[in-house]
Amino acid sequence: MGIENFNIKIGEFPSGKNNLITDVEGIKVGHTTLDEEKIKTGVTALIPHGGNIFREKLMCSSYVINGFGKSCGLVQIDELGTLETPIILTNTLSVGTASTALIRYMLENNEDIGKTTGTVNPVICECNDGFLNDIRGLHVKEEHIFQAIENARIKFQEGNVGAGTGMSCYQLKGGIGSASRVIKLDDDEYTIGALVLSNCGLKKDLMVDGKKIGEKIVSLESEDELEKGSIIIIVATNIPLSERQLKRISKRVPVSLARTGSHIGNGSGDIVITFTTANKVNHYEEKDIVNMKMINENKIDTIFRAAIETVEESILSSLLHSTATTGRDRNTRESLNKYIDFILK
């Protein structure tokens, strides 16, 4: 059951075919889910395009909203403005394992890396699923990263799957969420997609399409604490953009968080990665000067609006697709669906 089943319409732009980030042609997403008793964790892999991502890099930007995070690969993205590996999402203490596995994957598919050319920049992002998951058990192994990459498809599950298995959002069950929007530029249609790993927010602050749902929920149950979760947000598009323009889009994403109620707390790791499939950078480029297209800056407001509502819906989708979960030490997160009457009123 998706967000459209609850008569919720976020924003003004139409969604893509599947209302997923994979509506941007070439992108695939796969999961490995570890869900057994106190183990509530996993891996989500995003494949940026169907070719060799190391040889055909994509223009990319990252933006740290709040830096309480342990991600890998952002420094080189910010310096060079390119993405050259899949993006792996997992739990906080599995970043090292995921990095090693992704490096092995890239070495297997690129005999030149580290031999006749430079090394590779693995991109790993994380959230802390320790409330529900036995995070100290280090249950994510290298084979789980390989499986997630192998499982990548155009249609994929949302909610408490993959890296989202043990995540909490607004003190409810969070996880993987995705959405897409279609906009017109010069009479051609383009797609903007988003994928989130949601693990942030306080229940009392939750808003759904402008309604203060969280206040109604906490009136039934007393619960309060400091916001110390995180969220990883990936925005993708086939619109030609420079890395500077991608950064500008990333900087608008906090508006999406605010619309769902987050105040981006001190202990929150909130990171945005934005890339375009339209501008590819050849690793073995022979020309001294290369041509790249970019959008007329006076038209970028449309992209800002579409990106903001795509991320907002992705966050809500992560909640609505998740089911109630009990994990480590019998800790429990209820599904937002338990309180769906508050949304429908």
C-alpha atoms as a PDB file:
ATOM      1  CA  MET A   1       0.000   0.000   0.000  1.00  0.00           C
ATOM      2  CA  GLY A   2       1.562   3.278  -1.110  1.00  0.00           C
ATOM      3  CA  ILE A   3       1.066   6.928  -0.292  1.00  0.00           C
ATOM      4  CA  GLU A   4      -1.454   7.337  -3.115  1.00  0.00           C
ATOM      5  CA  ASN A   5      -3.790   4.883  -1.339  1.00  0.00           C
ATOM      6  CA  PHE A   6      -4.312   7.372   1.475  1.00  0.00           C
ATOM      7  CA  ASN A   7      -5.541  10.247  -0.695  1.00  0.00           C
ATOM      8  CA  ILE A   8      -2.319  12.121  -0.025  1.00  0.00           C
ATOM      9  CA  LYS A   9      -1.013  14.309  -2.846  1.00  0.00           C
ATOM     10  CA  ILE A  10       2.283  15.992  -2.108  1.00  0.00           C
ATOM     11  CA  GLY A  11       2.936  19.052  -4.244  1.00  0.00           C
ATOM     12  CA  GLU A  12       1.886  19.958  -7.754  1.00  0.00           C
ATOM     13  CA  PHE A  13       3.991  17.876 -10.156  1.00  0.00           C
ATOM     14  CA  PRO A  14       2.949  14.480 -11.572  1.00  0.00           C
ATOM     15  CA  SER A  15       4.884  11.415 -10.462  1.00  0.00           C
ATOM     16  CA  GLY A  16       6.789   9.131 -12.791  1.00  0.00           C
ATOM     17  CA  LYS A  17       5.688   5.693 -13.988  1.00  0.00           C
ATOM     18  CA  ASN A  18       6.508   3.803 -10.776  1.00  0.00           C
ATOM     19  CA  ASN A  19       6.873   6.816  -8.468  1.00  0.00           C
ATOM     20  CA  LEU A  20      10.389   5.621  -7.618  1.00  0.00           C
ATOM     21  CA  ILE A  21      13.912   6.980  -8.100  1.00  0.00           C
ATOM     22  CA  THR A  22      14.324   4.312 -10.790  1.00  0.00           C
ATOM     23  CA  ASP A  23      11.971   6.301 -13.007  1.00  0.00           C
ATOM     24  CA  VAL A  24      15.215   8.086 -13.905  1.00  0.00           C
ATOM     25  CA  GLU A  25      16.345   5.807 -16.719  1.00  0.00           C
ATOM     26  CA  GLY A  26      19.326   3.586 -15.957  1.00  0.00           C
ATOM     27  CA  ILE A  27      19.019   3.595 -12.160  1.00  0.00           C
ATOM     28  CA  LYS A  28      18.386   0.355 -10.257  1.00  0.00           C
ATOM     29  CA  VAL A  29      18.037  -0.362  -6.535  1.00  0.00           C
ATOM     30  CA  GLY A  30      18.598  -3.625  -4.660  1.00  0.00           C
ATOM     31  CA  HIS A  31      18.355  -4.834  -1.066  1.00  0.00           C
ATOM     32  CA  THR A  32      19.759  -7.457   1.267  1.00  0.00           C
ATOM     33  CA  THR A  33      17.550  -7.770   4.344  1.00  0.00           C
ATOM     34  CA  LEU A  34      18.711  -9.302   7.637  1.00  0.00           C
ATOM     35  CA  ASP A  35      15.618  -9.727   9.786  1.00  0.00           C
ATOM     36  CA  GLU A  36      15.759 -12.383  12.491  1.00  0.00           C
ATOM     37  CA  GLU A  37      15.026 -11.862  16.199  1.00  0.00           C
ATOM     38  CA  LYS A  38      17.438  -9.146  17.440  1.00  0.00           C
ATOM     39  CA  ILE A  39      19.065  -8.730  14.014  1.00  0.00           C
ATOM     40  CA  LYS A  40      17.261  -5.935  12.147  1.00  0.00           C
ATOM     41  CA  THR A  41      19.606  -4.517   9.559  1.00  0.00           C
ATOM     42  CA  GLY A  42      20.748  -4.839   5.956  1.00  0.00           C
ATOM     43  CA  VAL A  43      22.111  -3.205   2.825  1.00  0.00           C
ATOM     44  CA  THR A  44      20.608  -1.131   0.034  1.00  0.00           C
ATOM     45  CA  ALA A  45      22.553  -0.588  -3.186  1.00  0.00           C
ATOM     46  CA  LEU A  46      21.807   2.091  -5.779  1.00  0.00           C
ATOM     47  CA  ILE A  47      23.259   1.511  -9.252  1.00  0.00           C
ATOM     48  CA  PRO A  48      23.534   4.941 -10.966  1.00  0.00           C
ATOM     49  CA  HIS A  49      23.461   3.799 -14.602  1.00  0.00           C
ATOM     50  CA  GLY A  50      23.648   0.663 -16.711  1.00  0.00           C
ATOM     51  CA  GLY A  51      27.205   1.113 -17.979  1.00  0.00           C
ATOM     52  CA  ASN A  52      30.601   1.076 -16.281  1.00  0.00           C
ATOM     53  CA  ILE A  53      30.254   3.831 -13.655  1.00  0.00           C
ATOM     54  CA  PHE A  54      34.043   4.064 -13.142  1.00  0.00           C
ATOM     55  CA  ARG A  55      34.738   4.657 -16.827  1.00  0.00           C
ATOM     56  CA  GLU A  56      31.644   6.846 -17.301  1.00  0.00           C
ATOM     57  CA  LYS A  57      31.368   8.920 -14.142  1.00  0.00           C
ATOM     58  CA  LEU A  58      28.338  11.086 -13.397  1.00  0.00           C
ATOM     59  CA  MET A  59      28.245  14.729 -12.358  1.00  0.00           C
ATOM     60  CA  CYS A  60      27.481  14.692  -8.647  1.00  0.00           C
ATOM     61  CA  SER A  61      27.377  16.806  -5.513  1.00  0.00           C
ATOM     62  CA  SER A  62      26.987  16.142  -1.799  1.00  0.00           C
ATOM     63  CA  TYR A  63      25.694  18.390   0.934  1.00  0.00           C
ATOM     64  CA  VAL A  64      25.941  17.841   4.684  1.00  0.00           C
ATOM     65  CA  ILE A  65      22.913  19.323   6.452  1.00  0.00           C
ATOM     66  CA  ASN A  66      24.112  18.134   9.873  1.00  0.00           C
ATOM     67  CA  GLY A  67      27.342  16.195  10.138  1.00  0.00           C
ATOM     68  CA  PHE A  68      26.749  13.624  12.876  1.00  0.00           C
ATOM     69  CA  GLY A  69      27.487  10.843  10.361  1.00  0.00           C
ATOM     70  CA  LYS A  70      30.147   8.359   9.303  1.00  0.00           C
ATOM     71  CA  SER A  71      29.827   8.346   5.535  1.00  0.00           C
ATOM     72  CA  CYS A  72      32.588   7.470   3.073  1.00  0.00           C
ATOM     73  CA  GLY A  73      33.480   9.130  -0.224  1.00  0.00           C
ATOM     74  CA  LEU A  74      31.983  12.603   0.187  1.00  0.00           C
ATOM     75  CA  VAL A  75      35.304  14.475   0.202  1.00  0.00           C
ATOM     76  CA  GLN A  76      36.212  13.403  -3.334  1.00  0.00           C
ATOM     77  CA  ILE A  77      32.670  14.040  -4.580  1.00  0.00           C
ATOM     78  CA  ASP A  78      32.920  17.610  -3.328  1.00  0.00           C
ATOM     79  CA  GLU A  79      36.387  18.107  -4.830  1.00  0.00           C
ATOM     80  CA  LEU A  80      35.883  16.537  -8.268  1.00  0.00           C
ATOM     81  CA  GLY A  81      32.120  16.723  -8.654  1.00  0.00           C
ATOM     82  CA  THR A  82      31.764  13.152  -9.902  1.00  0.00           C
ATOM     83  CA  LEU A  83      30.310   9.814  -8.823  1.00  0.00           C
ATOM     84  CA  GLU A  84      32.253   6.707  -9.897  1.00  0.00           C
ATOM     85  CA  THR A  85      30.737   3.807  -7.913  1.00  0.00           C
ATOM     86  CA  PRO A  86      27.326   2.554  -6.846  1.00  0.00           C
ATOM     87  CA  ILE A  87      26.008   4.092  -3.610  1.00  0.00           C
ATOM     88  CA  ILE A  88      25.727   1.694  -0.675  1.00  0.00           C
ATOM     89  CA  LEU A  89      23.472   2.332   2.340  1.00  0.00           C
ATOM     90  CA  THR A  90      23.809   0.361   5.584  1.00  0.00           C
ATOM     91  CA  ASN A  91      24.106   0.795   9.369  1.00  0.00           C
ATOM     92  CA  THR A  92      26.702   2.962  11.096  1.00  0.00           C
ATOM     93  CA  LEU A  93      29.106   0.233  12.217  1.00  0.00           C
ATOM     94  CA  SER A  94      29.074  -1.512   8.837  1.00  0.00           C
ATOM     95  CA  VAL A  95      30.535   1.348   6.778  1.00  0.00           C
ATOM     96  CA  GLY A  96      34.006  -0.236   6.756  1.00  0.00           C
ATOM     97  CA  THR A  97      32.703  -3.615   5.652  1.00  0.00           C
ATOM     98  CA  ALA A  98      30.584  -2.017   2.933  1.00  0.00           C
ATOM     99  CA  SER A  99      33.534   0.050   1.718  1.00  0.00           C
ATOM    100  CA  THR A 100      35.805  -2.965   1.409  1.00  0.00           C
ATOM    101  CA  ALA A 101      33.114  -4.950  -0.408  1.00  0.00           C
ATOM    102  CA  LEU A 102      32.354  -2.125  -2.835  1.00  0.00           C
ATOM    103  CA  ILE A 103      36.075  -1.724  -3.550  1.00  0.00           C
ATOM    104  CA  ARG A 104      36.299  -5.478  -4.280  1.00  0.00           C
ATOM    105  CA  TYR A 105      33.305  -5.162  -6.626  1.00  0.00           C
ATOM    106  CA  MET A 106      34.899  -2.259  -8.477  1.00  0.00           C
ATOM    107  CA  LEU A 107      38.283  -4.028  -8.740  1.00  0.00           C
ATOM    108  CA  GLU A 108      36.627  -7.129 -10.178  1.00  0.00           C
ATOM    109  CA  ASN A 109      34.953  -5.066 -12.882  1.00  0.00           C
ATOM    110  CA  ASN A 110      37.881  -2.723 -13.612  1.00  0.00           C
ATOM    111  CA  GLU A 111      41.290  -4.357 -14.054  1.00  0.00           C
ATOM    112  CA  ASP A 112      42.944  -0.954 -14.450  1.00  0.00           C
ATOM    113  CA  ILE A 113      42.084   0.416 -10.980  1.00  0.00           C
ATOM    114  CA  GLY A 114      45.203   0.698  -8.831  1.00  0.00           C
ATOM    115  CA  LYS A 115      47.430  -0.664 -11.601  1.00  0.00           C
ATOM    116  CA  THR A 116      47.439   1.461 -14.752  1.00  0.00           C
ATOM    117  CA  THR A 117      45.182   4.205 -13.389  1.00  0.00           C
ATOM    118  CA  GLY A 118      44.310   5.665  -9.992  1.00  0.00           C
ATOM    119  CA  THR A 119      42.296   4.160  -7.174  1.00  0.00           C
ATOM    120  CA  VAL A 120      38.534   4.340  -6.643  1.00  0.00           C
ATOM    121  CA  ASN A 121      36.222   6.373  -4.418  1.00  0.00           C
ATOM    122  CA  PRO A 122      33.612   4.102  -2.766  1.00  0.00           C
ATOM    123  CA  VAL A 123      30.476   5.924  -1.606  1.00  0.00           C
ATOM    124  CA  ILE A 124      28.872   4.547   1.562  1.00  0.00           C
ATOM    125  CA  CYS A 125      26.219   6.237   3.687  1.00  0.00           C
ATOM    126  CA  GLU A 126      24.756   5.107   6.986  1.00  0.00           C
ATOM    127  CA  CYS A 127      22.201   5.586   9.724  1.00  0.00           C
ATOM    128  CA  ASN A 128      22.237   4.111  13.232  1.00  0.00           C
ATOM    129  CA  ASP A 129      19.695   1.287  13.539  1.00  0.00           C
ATOM    130  CA  GLY A 130      20.855   0.373  17.067  1.00  0.00           C
ATOM    131  CA  PHE A 131      17.461   0.895  18.737  1.00  0.00           C
ATOM    132  CA  LEU A 132      16.000  -2.130  16.959  1.00  0.00           C
ATOM    133  CA  ASN A 133      19.143  -3.881  15.717  1.00  0.00           C
ATOM    134  CA  ASP A 134      21.961  -5.631  17.557  1.00  0.00           C
ATOM    135  CA  ILE A 135      24.370  -3.211  15.906  1.00  0.00           C
ATOM    136  CA  ARG A 136      27.333  -4.388  18.025  1.00  0.00           C
ATOM    137  CA  GLY A 137      26.995  -7.828  16.448  1.00  0.00           C
ATOM    138  CA  LEU A 138      28.388  -6.543  13.116  1.00  0.00           C
ATOM    139  CA  HIS A 139      26.007  -8.799  11.226  1.00  0.00           C
ATOM    140  CA  VAL A 140      26.496  -7.165   7.804  1.00  0.00           C
ATOM    141  CA  LYS A 141      29.141  -9.077   5.857  1.00  0.00           C
ATOM    142  CA  GLU A 142      30.792  -8.386   2.503  1.00  0.00           C
ATOM    143  CA  GLU A 143      28.585 -10.933   0.726  1.00  0.00           C
ATOM    144  CA  HIS A 144      25.523  -8.910   1.725  1.00  0.00           C
ATOM    145  CA  ILE A 145      26.802  -5.928  -0.251  1.00  0.00           C
ATOM    146  CA  PHE A 146      27.403  -8.133  -3.296  1.00  0.00           C
ATOM    147  CA  GLN A 147      23.882  -9.576  -2.932  1.00  0.00           C
ATOM    148  CA  ALA A 148      22.284  -6.128  -2.762  1.00  0.00           C
ATOM    149  CA  ILE A 149      24.083  -5.076  -5.945  1.00  0.00           C
ATOM    150  CA  GLU A 150      23.057  -8.326  -7.661  1.00  0.00           C
ATOM    151  CA  ASN A 151      19.434  -7.806  -6.523  1.00  0.00           C
ATOM    152  CA  ALA A 152      19.193  -4.328  -8.081  1.00  0.00           C
ATOM    153  CA  ARG A 153      16.033  -3.857 -10.135  1.00  0.00           C
ATOM    154  CA  ILE A 154      13.872  -1.055 -11.525  1.00  0.00           C
ATOM    155  CA  LYS A 155      11.000  -2.028  -9.209  1.00  0.00           C
ATOM    156  CA  PHE A 156      12.063  -2.429  -5.595  1.00  0.00           C
ATOM    157  CA  GLN A 157      10.507  -2.632  -2.139  1.00  0.00           C
ATOM    158  CA  GLU A 158      10.196   0.267   0.273  1.00  0.00           C
ATOM    159  CA  GLY A 159       9.837   0.359   4.061  1.00  0.00           C
ATOM    160  CA  ASN A 160      11.694  -1.866   6.499  1.00  0.00           C
ATOM    161  CA  VAL A 161      13.841  -3.665   3.918  1.00  0.00           C
ATOM    162  CA  GLY A 162      17.550  -3.571   3.136  1.00  0.00           C
ATOM    163  CA  ALA A 163      19.341  -0.805   5.006  1.00  0.00           C
ATOM    164  CA  GLY A 164      15.938   0.330   6.290  1.00  0.00           C
ATOM    165  CA  THR A 165      15.156  -2.896   8.172  1.00  0.00           C
ATOM    166  CA  GLY A 166      15.974  -1.504  11.602  1.00  0.00           C
ATOM    167  CA  MET A 167      15.516   2.231  11.092  1.00  0.00           C
ATOM    168  CA  SER A 168      13.170   4.520  13.028  1.00  0.00           C
ATOM    169  CA  CYS A 169      11.533   7.681  11.687  1.00  0.00           C
ATOM    170  CA  TYR A 170       9.637  10.087  13.955  1.00  0.00           C
ATOM    171  CA  GLN A 171       9.895   7.325  16.601  1.00  0.00           C
ATOM    172  CA  LEU A 172       7.818   5.141  14.317  1.00  0.00           C
ATOM    173  CA  LYS A 173       9.060   2.490  11.902  1.00  0.00           C
ATOM    174  CA  GLY A 174      11.072   4.129   9.160  1.00  0.00           C
ATOM    175  CA  GLY A 175      13.383   2.849   6.442  1.00  0.00           C
ATOM    176  CA  ILE A 176      13.554   3.058   2.658  1.00  0.00           C
ATOM    177  CA  GLY A 177      11.279   5.480   0.822  1.00  0.00           C
ATOM    178  CA  SER A 178      11.221   6.726  -2.750  1.00  0.00           C
ATOM    179  CA  ALA A 179       9.266   8.938  -5.131  1.00  0.00           C
ATOM    180  CA  SER A 180       9.629  10.734  -8.455  1.00  0.00           C
ATOM    181  CA  ARG A 181       8.354  13.769 -10.322  1.00  0.00           C
ATOM    182  CA  VAL A 182       8.126  14.673 -14.000  1.00  0.00           C
ATOM    183  CA  ILE A 183       8.707  18.237 -15.215  1.00  0.00           C
ATOM    184  CA  LYS A 184       8.829  19.905 -18.627  1.00  0.00           C
ATOM    185  CA  LEU A 185      11.768  21.915 -19.917  1.00  0.00           C
ATOM    186  CA  ASP A 186      11.846  23.169 -23.530  1.00  0.00           C
ATOM    187  CA  ASP A 187       8.772  20.993 -24.195  1.00  0.00           C
ATOM    188  CA  ASP A 188      10.666  17.818 -23.221  1.00  0.00           C
ATOM    189  CA  GLU A 189       9.850  15.723 -20.141  1.00  0.00           C
ATOM    190  CA  TYR A 190      12.501  15.106 -17.497  1.00  0.00           C
ATOM    191  CA  THR A 191      12.414  13.083 -14.293  1.00  0.00           C
ATOM    192  CA  ILE A 192      13.572  13.853 -10.754  1.00  0.00           C
ATOM    193  CA  GLY A 193      13.709  10.947  -8.317  1.00  0.00           C
ATOM    194  CA  ALA A 194      14.599  10.563  -4.658  1.00  0.00           C
ATOM    195  CA  LEU A 195      15.459   7.719  -2.310  1.00  0.00           C
ATOM    196  CA  VAL A 196      15.758   8.123   1.454  1.00  0.00           C
ATOM    197  CA  LEU A 197      16.998   6.053   4.354  1.00  0.00           C
ATOM    198  CA  SER A 198      14.876   7.621   7.098  1.00  0.00           C
ATOM    199  CA  ASN A 199      15.964   7.445  10.726  1.00  0.00           C
ATOM    200  CA  CYS A 200      15.193  10.901  12.130  1.00  0.00           C
ATOM    201  CA  GLY A 201      12.615  13.018  13.927  1.00  0.00           C
ATOM    202  CA  LEU A 202      10.458  13.061  17.053  1.00  0.00           C
ATOM    203  CA  LYS A 203       6.955  11.626  17.043  1.00  0.00           C
ATOM    204  CA  LYS A 204       5.382  14.807  18.381  1.00  0.00           C
ATOM    205  CA  ASP A 205       6.745  16.794  15.406  1.00  0.00           C
ATOM    206  CA  LEU A 206       5.502  14.563  12.562  1.00  0.00           C
ATOM    207  CA  MET A 207       3.519  16.329   9.846  1.00  0.00           C
ATOM    208  CA  VAL A 208       1.777  14.683   6.891  1.00  0.00           C
ATOM    209  CA  ASP A 209       0.778  17.015   4.080  1.00  0.00           C
ATOM    210  CA  GLY A 210       0.685  19.930   6.510  1.00  0.00           C
ATOM    211  CA  LYS A 211      -1.338  18.101   9.189  1.00  0.00           C
ATOM    212  CA  LYS A 212       0.208  17.874  12.662  1.00  0.00           C
ATOM    213  CA  ILE A 213      -0.287  14.131  12.989  1.00  0.00           C
ATOM    214  CA  GLY A 214       2.420  13.722  15.632  1.00  0.00           C
ATOM    215  CA  GLU A 215       0.592  15.855  18.169  1.00  0.00           C
ATOM    216  CA  LYS A 216      -2.453  13.590  17.887  1.00  0.00           C
ATOM    217  CA  ILE A 217      -0.352  10.450  18.259  1.00  0.00           C
ATOM    218  CA  VAL A 218       1.495  11.577  21.394  1.00  0.00           C
ATOM    219  CA  SER A 219      -1.804  12.570  22.976  1.00  0.00           C
ATOM    220  CA  LEU A 220      -2.419   8.819  23.142  1.00  0.00           C
ATOM    221  CA  GLU A 221       1.012   7.882  24.462  1.00  0.00           C
ATOM    222  CA  SER A 222       3.593   9.886  26.380  1.00  0.00           C
ATOM    223  CA  GLU A 223       7.016   9.723  24.749  1.00  0.00           C
ATOM    224  CA  ASP A 224       9.731  12.342  24.378  1.00  0.00           C
ATOM    225  CA  GLU A 225      13.489  12.489  23.871  1.00  0.00           C
ATOM    226  CA  LEU A 226      16.159  14.431  22.024  1.00  0.00           C
ATOM    227  CA  GLU A 227      16.229  14.099  18.263  1.00  0.00           C
ATOM    228  CA  LYS A 228      19.326  12.044  17.495  1.00  0.00           C
ATOM    229  CA  GLY A 229      18.485  10.137  14.341  1.00  0.00           C
ATOM    230  CA  SER A 230      19.706  10.600  10.806  1.00  0.00           C
ATOM    231  CA  ILE A 231      18.567  10.577   7.204  1.00  0.00           C
ATOM    232  CA  ILE A 232      20.361   9.842   3.967  1.00  0.00           C
ATOM    233  CA  ILE A 233      18.790  11.441   0.903  1.00  0.00           C
ATOM    234  CA  ILE A 234      19.727  10.629  -2.682  1.00  0.00           C
ATOM    235  CA  VAL A 235      18.322  12.817  -5.459  1.00  0.00           C
ATOM    236  CA  ALA A 236      18.768  11.797  -9.084  1.00  0.00           C
ATOM    237  CA  THR A 237      17.692  13.317 -12.386  1.00  0.00           C
ATOM    238  CA  ASN A 238      18.245  13.124 -16.134  1.00  0.00           C
ATOM    239  CA  ILE A 239      18.266  16.931 -16.409  1.00  0.00           C
ATOM    240  CA  PRO A 240      21.640  18.286 -17.611  1.00  0.00           C
ATOM    241  CA  LEU A 241      23.178  20.074 -14.618  1.00  0.00           C
ATOM    242  CA  SER A 242      26.616  21.135 -13.426  1.00  0.00           C
ATOM    243  CA  GLU A 243      27.959  19.981 -10.078  1.00  0.00           C
ATOM    244  CA  ARG A 244      27.374  23.516  -8.766  1.00  0.00           C
ATOM    245  CA  GLN A 245      23.717  23.381  -9.800  1.00  0.00           C
ATOM    246  CA  LEU A 246      23.405  19.940  -8.203  1.00  0.00           C
ATOM    247  CA  LYS A 247      24.750  21.429  -4.968  1.00  0.00           C
ATOM    248  CA  ARG A 248      22.111  24.152  -5.138  1.00  0.00           C
ATOM    249  CA  ILE A 249      19.388  21.524  -5.416  1.00  0.00           C
ATOM    250  CA  SER A 250      20.868  19.622  -2.455  1.00  0.00           C
ATOM    251  CA  LYS A 251      20.722  22.756  -0.327  1.00  0.00           C
ATOM    252  CA  ARG A 252      16.928  22.945  -0.808  1.00  0.00           C
ATOM    253  CA  VAL A 253      16.337  19.473   0.618  1.00  0.00           C
ATOM    254  CA  PRO A 254      16.162  20.678   4.263  1.00  0.00           C
ATOM    255  CA  VAL A 255      12.827  22.231   3.265  1.00  0.00           C
ATOM    256  CA  SER A 256      11.522  18.681   2.716  1.00  0.00           C
ATOM    257  CA  LEU A 257      12.651  17.648   6.184  1.00  0.00           C
ATOM    258  CA  ALA A 258      10.985  20.678   7.733  1.00  0.00           C
ATOM    259  CA  ARG A 259       7.727  19.912   5.913  1.00  0.00           C
ATOM    260  CA  THR A 260       7.584  16.514   7.603  1.00  0.00           C
ATOM    261  CA  GLY A 261       8.455  18.010  11.000  1.00  0.00           C
ATOM    262  CA  SER A 262      12.194  17.528  11.518  1.00  0.00           C
ATOM    263  CA  HIS A 263      14.173  20.292  13.213  1.00  0.00           C
ATOM    264  CA  ILE A 264      17.513  18.629  12.280  1.00  0.00           C
ATOM    265  CA  GLY A 265      18.762  17.946  15.778  1.00  0.00           C
ATOM    266  CA  ASN A 266      22.268  18.117  17.189  1.00  0.00           C
ATOM    267  CA  GLY A 267      22.758  14.349  17.027  1.00  0.00           C
ATOM    268  CA  SER A 268      21.400  13.906  13.519  1.00  0.00           C
ATOM    269  CA  GLY A 269      23.469  12.914  10.497  1.00  0.00           C
ATOM    270  CA  ASP A 270      21.616  14.391   7.538  1.00  0.00           C
ATOM    271  CA  ILE A 271      23.386  13.972   4.186  1.00  0.00           C
ATOM    272  CA  VAL A 272      22.281  14.625   0.608  1.00  0.00           C
ATOM    273  CA  ILE A 273      23.837  13.192  -2.555  1.00  0.00           C
ATOM    274  CA  THR A 274      22.521  14.579  -5.837  1.00  0.00           C
ATOM    275  CA  PHE A 275      23.569  13.419  -9.299  1.00  0.00           C
ATOM    276  CA  THR A 276      22.538  13.646 -12.934  1.00  0.00           C
ATOM    277  CA  THR A 277      22.677  10.868 -15.499  1.00  0.00           C
ATOM    278  CA  ALA A 278      22.742  13.411 -18.340  1.00  0.00           C
ATOM    279  CA  ASN A 279      26.354  14.540 -18.021  1.00  0.00           C
ATOM    280  CA  LYS A 280      28.890  11.713 -18.110  1.00  0.00           C
ATOM    281  CA  VAL A 281      32.593  12.277 -17.482  1.00  0.00           C
ATOM    282  CA  ASN A 282      34.828   9.791 -19.312  1.00  0.00           C
ATOM    283  CA  HIS A 283      37.659   8.441 -17.178  1.00  0.00           C
ATOM    284  CA  TYR A 284      39.824   8.128 -20.282  1.00  0.00           C
ATOM    285  CA  GLU A 285      38.829  11.390 -21.938  1.00  0.00           C
ATOM    286  CA  GLU A 286      41.161  12.250 -24.824  1.00  0.00           C
ATOM    287  CA  LYS A 287      39.997  15.783 -25.577  1.00  0.00           C
ATOM    288  CA  ASP A 288      41.406  18.800 -23.779  1.00  0.00           C
ATOM    289  CA  ILE A 289      38.051  20.575 -23.856  1.00  0.00           C
ATOM    290  CA  VAL A 290      34.768  18.725 -23.306  1.00  0.00           C
ATOM    291  CA  ASN A 291      31.214  19.968 -23.734  1.00  0.00           C
ATOM    292  CA  MET A 292      28.658  19.757 -20.945  1.00  0.00           C
ATOM    293  CA  LYS A 293      25.070  20.963 -20.936  1.00  0.00           C
ATOM    294  CA  MET A 294      23.479  22.745 -17.994  1.00  0.00           C
ATOM    295  CA  ILE A 295      20.128  24.294 -17.238  1.00  0.00           C
ATOM    296  CA  ASN A 296      19.405  27.988 -17.632  1.00  0.00           C
ATOM    297  CA  GLU A 297      19.744  29.254 -14.067  1.00  0.00           C
ATOM    298  CA  ASN A 298      16.564  31.293 -14.413  1.00  0.00           C
ATOM    299  CA  LYS A 299      14.629  28.027 -14.865  1.00  0.00           C
ATOM    300  CA  ILE A 300      16.073  26.158 -11.894  1.00  0.00           C
ATOM    301  CA  ASP A 301      13.251  27.125  -9.503  1.00  0.00           C
ATOM    302  CA  THR A 302      11.081  24.474 -11.134  1.00  0.00           C
ATOM    303  CA  ILE A 303      13.682  21.845 -10.283  1.00  0.00           C
ATOM    304  CA  PHE A 304      13.946  23.127  -6.711  1.00  0.00           C
ATOM    305  CA  ARG A 305      10.191  22.740  -6.242  1.00  0.00           C
ATOM    306  CA  ALA A 306      10.047  19.281  -7.793  1.00  0.00           C
ATOM    307  CA  ALA A 307      13.027  18.025  -5.768  1.00  0.00           C
ATOM    308  CA  ILE A 308      11.575  19.331  -2.502  1.00  0.00           C
ATOM    309  CA  GLU A 309       8.232  17.598  -2.947  1.00  0.00           C
ATOM    310  CA  THR A 310       9.879  14.395  -4.220  1.00  0.00           C
ATOM    311  CA  VAL A 311      11.988  14.111  -1.056  1.00  0.00           C
ATOM    312  CA  GLU A 312       9.034  15.018   1.172  1.00  0.00           C
ATOM    313  CA  GLU A 313       6.961  12.228  -0.352  1.00  0.00           C
ATOM    314  CA  SER A 314       9.887   9.798  -0.102  1.00  0.00           C
ATOM    315  CA  ILE A 315      10.090  10.363   3.660  1.00  0.00           C
ATOM    316  CA  LEU A 316       6.358   9.773   4.088  1.00  0.00           C
ATOM    317  CA  SER A 317       6.556   6.747   1.790  1.00  0.00           C
ATOM    318  CA  SER A 318       9.235   5.209   4.017  1.00  0.00           C
ATOM    319  CA  LEU A 319       6.814   5.472   6.947  1.00  0.00           C
ATOM    320  CA  LEU A 320       3.702   4.254   5.153  1.00  0.00           C
ATOM    321  CA  HIS A 321       5.466   1.245   3.619  1.00  0.00           C
ATOM    322  CA  SER A 322       6.960   0.130   6.949  1.00  0.00           C
ATOM    323  CA  THR A 323       5.394  -2.381   9.313  1.00  0.00           C
ATOM    324  CA  ALA A 324       5.566  -2.540  13.118  1.00  0.00           C
ATOM    325  CA  THR A 325       8.844  -4.111  14.257  1.00  0.00           C
ATOM    326  CA  THR A 326      10.169  -5.528  17.535  1.00  0.00           C
ATOM    327  CA  GLY A 327      13.911  -6.042  17.779  1.00  0.00           C
ATOM    328  CA  ARG A 328      16.784  -5.862  20.234  1.00  0.00           C
ATOM    329  CA  ASP A 329      15.771  -6.029  23.917  1.00  0.00           C
ATOM    330  CA  ARG A 330      12.115  -6.135  22.784  1.00  0.00           C
ATOM    331  CA  ASN A 331      12.359  -2.516  21.604  1.00  0.00           C
ATOM    332  CA  THR A 332       9.406  -1.769  19.322  1.00  0.00           C
ATOM    333  CA  ARG A 333       8.497   0.766  16.649  1.00  0.00           C
ATOM    334  CA  GLU A 334       4.894   1.011  15.512  1.00  0.00           C
ATOM    335  CA  SER A 335       3.929   1.631  11.898  1.00  0.00           C
ATOM    336  CA  LEU A 336       2.396   4.956  10.921  1.00  0.00           C
ATOM    337  CA  ASN A 337      -0.412   2.869   9.447  1.00  0.00           C
ATOM    338  CA  LYS A 338      -1.632   2.238  13.006  1.00  0.00           C
ATOM    339  CA  TYR A 339      -2.610   5.892  13.137  1.00  0.00           C
ATOM    340  CA  ILE A 340      -3.910   6.206   9.594  1.00  0.00           C
ATOM    341  CA  ASP A 341      -7.284   7.529  10.795  1.00  0.00           C
ATOM    342  CA  PHE A 342      -5.534  10.719  11.902  1.00  0.00           C
ATOM    343  CA  ILE A 343      -4.223  11.182   8.359  1.00  0.00           C
ATOM    344  CA  LEU A 344      -7.530  10.529   6.642  1.00  0.00           C
ATOM    345  CA  LYS A 345      -9.538  12.916   8.836  1.00  0.00           C
END
